[in-house]
N, C-alpha and C. Protein backbone atom coordinates (compact mmCIF):
# COMPACT_ATOMS: atom_id res chain seq x y z
N UNK A 1 60.49 29.29 -115.13
CA UNK A 1 60.45 30.46 -114.26
C UNK A 1 59.16 31.22 -114.52
N UNK A 2 58.43 31.51 -113.46
CA UNK A 2 57.18 32.26 -113.57
C UNK A 2 57.46 33.76 -113.50
N UNK A 3 56.87 34.52 -114.43
CA UNK A 3 57.00 35.97 -114.41
C UNK A 3 55.69 36.56 -113.91
N UNK A 4 55.80 37.61 -113.11
CA UNK A 4 54.62 38.24 -112.52
C UNK A 4 54.44 39.64 -113.10
N UNK A 5 53.20 39.94 -113.50
CA UNK A 5 52.87 41.29 -113.93
C UNK A 5 52.95 42.25 -112.73
N UNK A 6 52.47 41.77 -111.60
CA UNK A 6 52.52 42.53 -110.34
C UNK A 6 53.49 41.82 -109.41
N UNK A 7 53.95 42.49 -108.38
CA UNK A 7 54.84 41.82 -107.42
C UNK A 7 54.15 40.59 -106.82
N UNK A 8 54.95 39.61 -106.47
CA UNK A 8 54.43 38.37 -105.90
C UNK A 8 53.68 38.58 -104.59
N UNK A 9 54.15 39.52 -103.79
CA UNK A 9 53.52 39.76 -102.50
C UNK A 9 53.26 41.26 -102.34
N UNK A 10 52.41 41.57 -101.40
CA UNK A 10 52.09 42.97 -101.13
C UNK A 10 50.61 43.14 -100.85
N UNK A 11 50.18 44.37 -100.74
CA UNK A 11 48.77 44.67 -100.53
C UNK A 11 48.12 44.93 -101.88
N UNK A 12 47.06 44.18 -102.17
CA UNK A 12 46.34 44.32 -103.42
C UNK A 12 44.89 44.65 -103.12
N UNK A 13 44.30 45.51 -103.94
CA UNK A 13 42.93 45.95 -103.74
C UNK A 13 42.15 45.80 -105.03
N UNK A 14 40.97 45.22 -104.93
CA UNK A 14 40.09 45.09 -106.08
C UNK A 14 39.34 46.42 -106.22
N UNK A 15 39.34 46.98 -107.45
CA UNK A 15 38.76 48.30 -107.66
C UNK A 15 37.99 48.37 -108.97
N UNK A 16 36.98 49.21 -109.00
CA UNK A 16 36.27 49.57 -110.23
C UNK A 16 36.40 51.08 -110.36
N UNK A 17 36.97 51.55 -111.46
CA UNK A 17 37.22 52.98 -111.65
C UNK A 17 36.22 53.64 -112.59
N UNK A 18 35.10 52.97 -112.86
CA UNK A 18 34.06 53.55 -113.72
C UNK A 18 32.73 52.90 -113.38
N UNK A 19 31.84 53.65 -112.75
CA UNK A 19 30.53 53.10 -112.40
C UNK A 19 29.48 54.20 -112.44
N UNK A 20 28.23 53.79 -112.65
CA UNK A 20 27.11 54.74 -112.69
C UNK A 20 26.05 54.31 -111.70
N UNK A 21 25.60 55.24 -110.88
CA UNK A 21 24.54 54.98 -109.92
C UNK A 21 23.20 55.43 -110.51
N UNK A 22 22.15 55.33 -109.70
CA UNK A 22 20.84 55.78 -110.17
C UNK A 22 20.74 57.31 -110.21
N UNK A 23 21.83 58.00 -109.92
CA UNK A 23 21.86 59.45 -110.08
C UNK A 23 22.09 59.83 -111.54
N UNK A 24 22.47 58.85 -112.37
CA UNK A 24 22.50 59.06 -113.82
C UNK A 24 21.75 57.88 -114.46
N UNK A 25 22.43 56.96 -115.10
CA UNK A 25 21.71 55.88 -115.78
C UNK A 25 21.91 54.50 -115.15
N UNK A 26 22.39 54.45 -113.92
CA UNK A 26 22.54 53.18 -113.21
C UNK A 26 21.24 52.78 -112.53
N UNK A 27 21.22 51.58 -111.96
CA UNK A 27 20.01 51.09 -111.29
C UNK A 27 20.06 51.21 -109.78
N UNK A 28 21.28 51.19 -109.20
CA UNK A 28 21.42 51.15 -107.74
C UNK A 28 21.81 52.52 -107.19
N UNK A 29 21.42 52.77 -105.96
CA UNK A 29 21.87 54.00 -105.27
C UNK A 29 23.35 53.85 -104.95
N UNK A 30 24.05 54.96 -104.68
CA UNK A 30 25.46 54.85 -104.29
C UNK A 30 25.68 53.91 -103.10
N UNK A 31 24.82 53.96 -102.09
CA UNK A 31 24.97 53.09 -100.92
C UNK A 31 24.75 51.62 -101.30
N UNK A 32 23.76 51.35 -102.16
CA UNK A 32 23.52 49.98 -102.60
C UNK A 32 24.70 49.46 -103.42
N UNK A 33 25.29 50.33 -104.23
CA UNK A 33 26.47 49.94 -105.00
C UNK A 33 27.61 49.56 -104.08
N UNK A 34 27.82 50.36 -103.03
CA UNK A 34 28.90 50.06 -102.07
C UNK A 34 28.71 48.66 -101.50
N UNK A 35 27.51 48.36 -101.04
CA UNK A 35 27.26 47.06 -100.42
C UNK A 35 27.46 45.92 -101.41
N UNK A 36 27.00 46.09 -102.65
CA UNK A 36 27.16 45.06 -103.66
C UNK A 36 28.64 44.83 -104.00
N UNK A 37 29.38 45.93 -104.18
CA UNK A 37 30.80 45.80 -104.50
C UNK A 37 31.58 45.19 -103.34
N UNK A 38 31.31 45.63 -102.11
CA UNK A 38 31.99 45.05 -100.95
C UNK A 38 31.70 43.55 -100.85
N UNK A 39 30.46 43.16 -101.09
CA UNK A 39 30.07 41.75 -101.04
C UNK A 39 30.86 40.93 -102.06
N UNK A 40 31.27 41.58 -103.16
CA UNK A 40 32.02 40.90 -104.22
C UNK A 40 33.52 41.14 -104.14
N UNK A 41 34.00 41.58 -102.97
CA UNK A 41 35.43 41.68 -102.72
C UNK A 41 36.12 42.95 -103.14
N UNK A 42 35.36 43.98 -103.50
CA UNK A 42 35.97 45.26 -103.90
C UNK A 42 36.29 46.11 -102.69
N UNK A 43 37.38 46.86 -102.78
CA UNK A 43 37.78 47.80 -101.74
C UNK A 43 37.67 49.24 -102.20
N UNK A 44 37.59 49.45 -103.53
CA UNK A 44 37.60 50.80 -104.10
C UNK A 44 36.55 50.88 -105.21
N UNK A 45 35.77 51.97 -105.18
CA UNK A 45 34.79 52.20 -106.24
C UNK A 45 34.78 53.69 -106.59
N UNK A 46 34.98 53.98 -107.87
CA UNK A 46 34.87 55.36 -108.35
C UNK A 46 33.45 55.57 -108.85
N UNK A 47 32.77 56.52 -108.27
CA UNK A 47 31.42 56.88 -108.70
C UNK A 47 31.57 57.92 -109.81
N UNK A 48 31.32 57.52 -111.05
CA UNK A 48 31.56 58.38 -112.21
C UNK A 48 30.27 58.55 -113.01
N UNK A 49 29.26 59.10 -112.37
CA UNK A 49 27.98 59.32 -113.05
C UNK A 49 28.14 60.30 -114.20
N UNK A 50 27.22 60.23 -115.15
CA UNK A 50 27.27 61.06 -116.35
C UNK A 50 27.15 62.56 -116.03
N UNK A 51 28.17 63.30 -116.40
CA UNK A 51 28.15 64.77 -116.45
C UNK A 51 27.81 65.45 -115.13
N UNK A 52 27.98 64.74 -114.02
CA UNK A 52 27.73 65.38 -112.71
C UNK A 52 28.70 64.80 -111.68
N UNK A 53 29.34 65.67 -110.95
CA UNK A 53 30.27 65.25 -109.90
C UNK A 53 29.56 65.37 -108.56
N UNK A 54 29.32 64.23 -107.94
CA UNK A 54 28.68 64.20 -106.63
C UNK A 54 29.56 63.38 -105.70
N UNK A 55 30.25 64.01 -104.76
CA UNK A 55 31.10 63.25 -103.84
C UNK A 55 30.25 62.33 -102.95
N UNK A 56 30.75 61.15 -102.71
CA UNK A 56 30.12 60.20 -101.79
C UNK A 56 31.12 59.82 -100.70
N UNK A 57 31.81 60.84 -100.18
CA UNK A 57 32.85 60.61 -99.16
C UNK A 57 32.28 59.95 -97.91
N UNK A 58 30.98 60.13 -97.65
CA UNK A 58 30.36 59.52 -96.48
C UNK A 58 30.33 57.99 -96.58
N UNK A 59 30.54 57.45 -97.79
CA UNK A 59 30.55 56.00 -97.97
C UNK A 59 31.92 55.37 -97.73
N UNK A 60 32.94 56.19 -97.58
CA UNK A 60 34.28 55.67 -97.28
C UNK A 60 34.36 55.24 -95.82
N UNK A 61 34.93 54.06 -95.60
CA UNK A 61 35.14 53.59 -94.24
C UNK A 61 36.48 52.85 -94.18
N UNK A 62 36.74 52.12 -93.11
CA UNK A 62 38.03 51.44 -92.93
C UNK A 62 38.28 50.34 -93.96
N UNK A 63 37.23 49.85 -94.62
CA UNK A 63 37.37 48.74 -95.56
C UNK A 63 37.03 49.13 -97.00
N UNK A 64 36.61 50.37 -97.23
CA UNK A 64 36.10 50.76 -98.54
C UNK A 64 36.42 52.22 -98.82
N UNK A 65 36.86 52.50 -100.06
CA UNK A 65 37.14 53.88 -100.47
C UNK A 65 36.21 54.24 -101.62
N UNK A 66 35.43 55.29 -101.43
CA UNK A 66 34.55 55.83 -102.48
C UNK A 66 35.28 56.99 -103.14
N UNK A 67 35.70 56.80 -104.38
CA UNK A 67 36.44 57.86 -105.09
C UNK A 67 35.48 58.85 -105.72
N UNK A 68 35.87 60.13 -105.68
CA UNK A 68 35.09 61.21 -106.29
C UNK A 68 35.42 61.25 -107.77
N UNK A 69 34.40 61.25 -108.62
CA UNK A 69 34.64 61.31 -110.05
C UNK A 69 33.39 61.65 -110.82
N UNK A 70 33.53 61.72 -112.14
CA UNK A 70 32.39 61.88 -113.04
C UNK A 70 32.82 61.51 -114.45
N UNK A 71 31.84 61.25 -115.30
CA UNK A 71 32.09 60.95 -116.70
C UNK A 71 31.57 62.10 -117.54
N UNK A 72 32.45 62.73 -118.30
CA UNK A 72 32.07 63.85 -119.16
C UNK A 72 31.73 63.33 -120.54
N UNK A 73 30.63 63.79 -121.08
CA UNK A 73 30.23 63.46 -122.45
C UNK A 73 30.58 64.62 -123.35
N UNK A 74 31.27 64.34 -124.43
CA UNK A 74 31.63 65.37 -125.40
C UNK A 74 30.94 64.99 -126.70
N UNK A 75 30.06 65.86 -127.17
CA UNK A 75 29.27 65.58 -128.36
C UNK A 75 29.69 66.46 -129.52
N UNK A 76 29.61 65.92 -130.71
CA UNK A 76 29.86 66.71 -131.90
C UNK A 76 28.70 67.67 -132.08
N UNK A 77 28.98 68.93 -132.38
CA UNK A 77 27.95 69.98 -132.48
C UNK A 77 26.79 69.60 -133.39
N UNK A 78 27.06 69.05 -134.56
CA UNK A 78 26.00 68.79 -135.53
C UNK A 78 25.49 67.36 -135.51
N UNK A 79 25.87 66.58 -134.50
CA UNK A 79 25.43 65.19 -134.43
C UNK A 79 24.00 65.12 -133.91
N UNK A 80 23.14 64.34 -134.56
CA UNK A 80 21.78 64.18 -134.03
C UNK A 80 21.80 63.45 -132.70
N UNK A 81 20.82 63.70 -131.88
CA UNK A 81 20.74 63.04 -130.57
C UNK A 81 20.71 61.52 -130.76
N UNK A 82 21.43 60.82 -129.94
CA UNK A 82 21.45 59.36 -129.97
C UNK A 82 22.46 58.75 -130.92
N UNK A 83 23.25 59.56 -131.60
CA UNK A 83 24.26 59.03 -132.51
C UNK A 83 25.55 58.83 -131.73
N UNK A 84 25.83 57.59 -131.34
CA UNK A 84 26.97 57.28 -130.48
C UNK A 84 28.30 57.46 -131.19
N UNK A 85 28.35 57.32 -132.52
CA UNK A 85 29.60 57.46 -133.24
C UNK A 85 30.16 58.87 -133.15
N UNK A 86 29.34 59.81 -132.76
CA UNK A 86 29.75 61.22 -132.71
C UNK A 86 29.95 61.70 -131.27
N UNK A 87 30.11 60.77 -130.36
CA UNK A 87 30.19 61.13 -128.94
C UNK A 87 31.43 60.51 -128.31
N UNK A 88 31.98 61.19 -127.32
CA UNK A 88 33.14 60.68 -126.59
C UNK A 88 32.86 60.80 -125.10
N UNK A 89 33.20 59.79 -124.33
CA UNK A 89 33.05 59.83 -122.88
C UNK A 89 34.43 59.76 -122.24
N UNK A 90 34.68 60.65 -121.29
CA UNK A 90 35.94 60.68 -120.56
C UNK A 90 35.64 60.57 -119.07
N UNK A 91 36.34 59.67 -118.39
CA UNK A 91 36.16 59.53 -116.94
C UNK A 91 37.24 60.32 -116.21
N UNK A 92 36.82 61.03 -115.20
CA UNK A 92 37.73 61.82 -114.36
C UNK A 92 37.59 61.35 -112.92
N UNK A 93 38.72 61.22 -112.24
CA UNK A 93 38.73 60.83 -110.82
C UNK A 93 39.58 61.85 -110.09
N UNK A 94 39.04 62.40 -109.01
CA UNK A 94 39.74 63.42 -108.22
C UNK A 94 40.95 62.81 -107.52
N UNK A 95 41.99 63.61 -107.40
CA UNK A 95 43.21 63.17 -106.70
C UNK A 95 42.99 63.02 -105.20
N UNK A 96 42.11 63.85 -104.65
CA UNK A 96 41.84 63.82 -103.21
C UNK A 96 40.33 63.91 -102.99
N UNK A 97 39.83 63.43 -101.86
CA UNK A 97 38.39 63.44 -101.59
C UNK A 97 37.78 64.83 -101.51
N UNK A 98 38.59 65.85 -101.23
CA UNK A 98 38.04 67.20 -101.08
C UNK A 98 37.94 67.96 -102.41
N UNK A 99 38.35 67.35 -103.51
CA UNK A 99 38.22 67.98 -104.82
C UNK A 99 36.79 67.73 -105.32
N UNK A 100 35.89 68.64 -104.96
CA UNK A 100 34.48 68.41 -105.26
C UNK A 100 33.86 69.47 -106.17
N UNK A 101 34.70 70.20 -106.89
CA UNK A 101 34.21 71.18 -107.85
C UNK A 101 34.38 70.59 -109.25
N UNK A 102 33.29 70.49 -109.97
CA UNK A 102 33.34 69.91 -111.31
C UNK A 102 34.09 70.85 -112.24
N UNK A 103 35.18 70.38 -112.87
CA UNK A 103 36.02 71.27 -113.67
C UNK A 103 35.41 71.71 -114.99
N UNK A 104 34.49 70.94 -115.56
CA UNK A 104 33.86 71.36 -116.80
C UNK A 104 32.45 70.83 -116.86
N UNK A 105 31.55 71.66 -117.36
CA UNK A 105 30.16 71.25 -117.47
C UNK A 105 29.48 72.16 -118.46
N UNK A 106 28.74 71.57 -119.37
CA UNK A 106 27.99 72.35 -120.36
C UNK A 106 26.56 71.84 -120.35
N UNK A 107 25.62 72.63 -119.84
CA UNK A 107 24.23 72.16 -119.71
C UNK A 107 23.57 71.89 -121.05
N UNK A 108 24.19 72.33 -122.15
CA UNK A 108 23.62 72.10 -123.49
C UNK A 108 23.61 70.63 -123.83
N UNK A 109 24.51 69.85 -123.24
CA UNK A 109 24.60 68.43 -123.56
C UNK A 109 24.07 67.63 -122.43
């Protein structure tokens, strides 16, 4: 008997819930990312650039959903720059496309 982690039938969507565009440390623009992901069978992409929330709702269409999000960096106060062991990254994704106010931001980091 075969057991399924997901139901045997239904609607399934390929998604990436953590990505960076050239608006932070990625190489591709948000539009270029959409085209690359669609070409590779993705239907959903969360744009989670570092420490900045920039909605890309204009990239959503009938075949693709661009999720609003960002990745927050939390640094230890006394950690020297570039010390990854003292840093934490958290990804946030908005519940709805109109949630475009960044809930936390500290320009010191």
